[in-house]
Amino acid sequence: MRDELQRTVQDAQTHISGSTLPDPDSFEEQDDYAAFEQERQMELMHEQDEQLDGVFRTVGNLRQQADDMGRELEEQGELLDDVDQLADRVGGKLQTGIKKVGWVIKKNEGKQPPTF
């Protein structure tokens, strides 16, 4: 009975396709294309890992540059504060000097210049 069933299946397969269909168990073996695809996927993942490492290094460099720029800006801010304080002091002294010169000019108005 089993042999008869097998012959019937083979006859049906031959009748449908005109030739015998491959054994379904033959598909379980890994073919060359699947191995190639797996290898290609591994290569792509490796390339992506390398690219991500490059991005990581670039971001690290940018972070370092940002830190350096921040420190430089802080130092320049301190220097600008010092210059501002010095300019205020000089401006105050200049105003005092101008007032004194104005007072001397006012006192000497109407007096004769000394003759030599």
Protein backbone atom coordinates (compact mmCIF):
# COMPACT_ATOMS: atom_id res chain seq x y z
CA MET A 1 0.00 0.00 0.00
CA ARG A 2 2.81 2.33 0.82
CA ASP A 3 4.53 1.59 -2.46
CA GLU A 4 1.33 2.25 -4.34
CA LEU A 5 0.90 5.61 -2.57
CA GLN A 6 4.47 6.55 -3.42
CA ARG A 7 3.92 5.70 -7.06
CA THR A 8 0.71 7.73 -7.13
CA VAL A 9 2.52 10.77 -5.67
CA GLN A 10 5.35 10.38 -8.17
CA ASP A 11 2.91 10.03 -11.02
CA ALA A 12 1.07 13.17 -9.92
CA GLN A 13 4.34 15.07 -9.66
CA THR A 14 5.38 13.95 -13.11
CA HIS A 15 2.01 14.81 -14.55
CA ILE A 16 2.01 18.36 -13.01
CA SER A 17 5.50 19.50 -13.95
CA GLY A 18 6.46 17.14 -16.67
CA SER A 19 9.39 15.93 -14.57
CA THR A 20 10.01 14.62 -11.13
CA LEU A 21 10.05 17.24 -8.36
CA PRO A 22 13.09 17.39 -6.10
CA ASP A 23 13.02 15.61 -2.82
CA PRO A 24 11.75 17.98 -0.09
CA ASP A 25 14.53 16.84 2.24
CA SER A 26 17.11 18.25 -0.17
CA PHE A 27 16.03 21.78 0.76
CA GLU A 28 17.13 21.35 4.36
CA GLU A 29 20.79 21.49 3.41
CA GLN A 30 22.32 24.96 3.37
CA ASP A 31 23.06 25.95 -0.20
CA ASP A 32 25.89 28.18 -1.46
CA TYR A 33 23.64 31.22 -1.78
CA ALA A 34 22.63 31.08 1.89
CA ALA A 35 26.28 30.79 2.92
CA PHE A 36 27.15 33.74 0.66
CA GLU A 37 24.31 35.81 2.11
CA GLN A 38 25.36 35.01 5.66
CA GLU A 39 28.97 35.96 4.88
CA ARG A 40 27.81 39.19 3.22
CA GLN A 41 25.67 40.05 6.25
CA MET A 42 28.68 39.52 8.51
CA GLU A 43 30.79 41.81 6.29
CA LEU A 44 28.09 44.50 6.36
CA MET A 45 27.82 44.29 10.14
CA HIS A 46 31.60 44.56 10.43
CA GLU A 47 31.64 47.63 8.16
CA GLN A 48 28.84 49.20 10.19
CA ASP A 49 30.77 48.54 13.40
CA GLU A 50 33.83 50.25 11.91
CA GLN A 51 31.72 53.21 10.81
CA LEU A 52 30.15 53.50 14.25
CA ASP A 53 33.62 53.44 15.80
CA GLY A 54 34.60 56.29 13.47
CA VAL A 55 31.50 58.26 14.47
CA PHE A 56 32.29 57.62 18.14
CA ARG A 57 35.84 58.95 17.69
CA THR A 58 34.55 62.00 15.79
CA VAL A 59 32.00 62.78 18.50
CA GLY A 60 34.74 62.41 21.12
CA ASN A 61 36.94 64.87 19.21
CA LEU A 62 34.07 67.33 18.92
CA ARG A 63 33.37 67.03 22.64
CA GLN A 64 37.03 67.70 23.43
CA GLN A 65 37.04 70.74 21.14
CA ALA A 66 33.85 72.03 22.77
CA ASP A 67 35.44 71.63 26.21
CA ASP A 68 38.56 73.51 25.06
CA MET A 69 36.45 76.28 23.55
CA GLY A 70 34.41 76.56 26.76
CA ARG A 71 37.55 76.94 28.87
CA GLU A 72 38.95 79.51 26.44
CA LEU A 73 35.72 81.51 26.56
CA GLU A 74 35.74 81.47 30.35
CA GLU A 75 39.33 82.77 30.39
CA GLN A 76 38.50 85.48 27.86
CA GLY A 77 35.44 86.45 29.90
CA GLU A 78 37.63 86.92 32.96
CA LEU A 79 40.10 89.02 30.95
CA LEU A 80 37.27 91.19 29.63
CA ASP A 81 36.03 91.74 33.19
CA ASP A 82 39.54 92.85 34.22
CA VAL A 83 39.78 95.22 31.23
CA ASP A 84 36.33 96.64 32.04
CA GLN A 85 37.32 97.34 35.65
CA LEU A 86 40.58 99.01 34.54
CA ALA A 87 38.72 101.11 31.98
CA ASP A 88 36.25 102.24 34.66
CA ARG A 89 39.12 103.25 36.97
CA VAL A 90 40.94 105.11 34.19
CA GLY A 91 37.69 106.80 33.17
CA GLY A 92 37.11 107.91 36.77
CA LYS A 93 40.63 109.30 37.05
CA LEU A 94 40.24 111.08 33.71
CA GLN A 95 37.00 112.72 34.87
CA THR A 96 38.71 113.88 38.06
CA GLY A 97 41.63 115.28 36.04
CA ILE A 98 39.28 117.12 33.65
CA LYS A 99 37.45 118.68 36.62
CA LYS A 100 40.75 119.87 38.11
CA VAL A 101 41.88 121.32 34.79
CA GLY A 102 38.51 123.04 34.45
CA TRP A 103 38.85 124.49 37.95
CA VAL A 104 42.36 125.82 37.14
CA ILE A 105 41.12 127.37 33.88
CA LYS A 106 38.19 128.97 35.66
CA LYS A 107 40.46 130.45 38.35
CA ASN A 108 42.84 131.85 35.74
CA GLU A 109 40.16 133.47 33.57
CA GLY A 110 40.54 137.23 33.58
CA LYS A 111 44.05 137.19 34.94
CA GLN A 112 46.92 138.43 32.85
CA PRO A 113 49.31 135.82 31.56
CA PRO A 114 52.73 136.10 33.14
CA THR A 115 55.35 137.94 31.12
CA PHE A 116 58.84 136.69 30.90
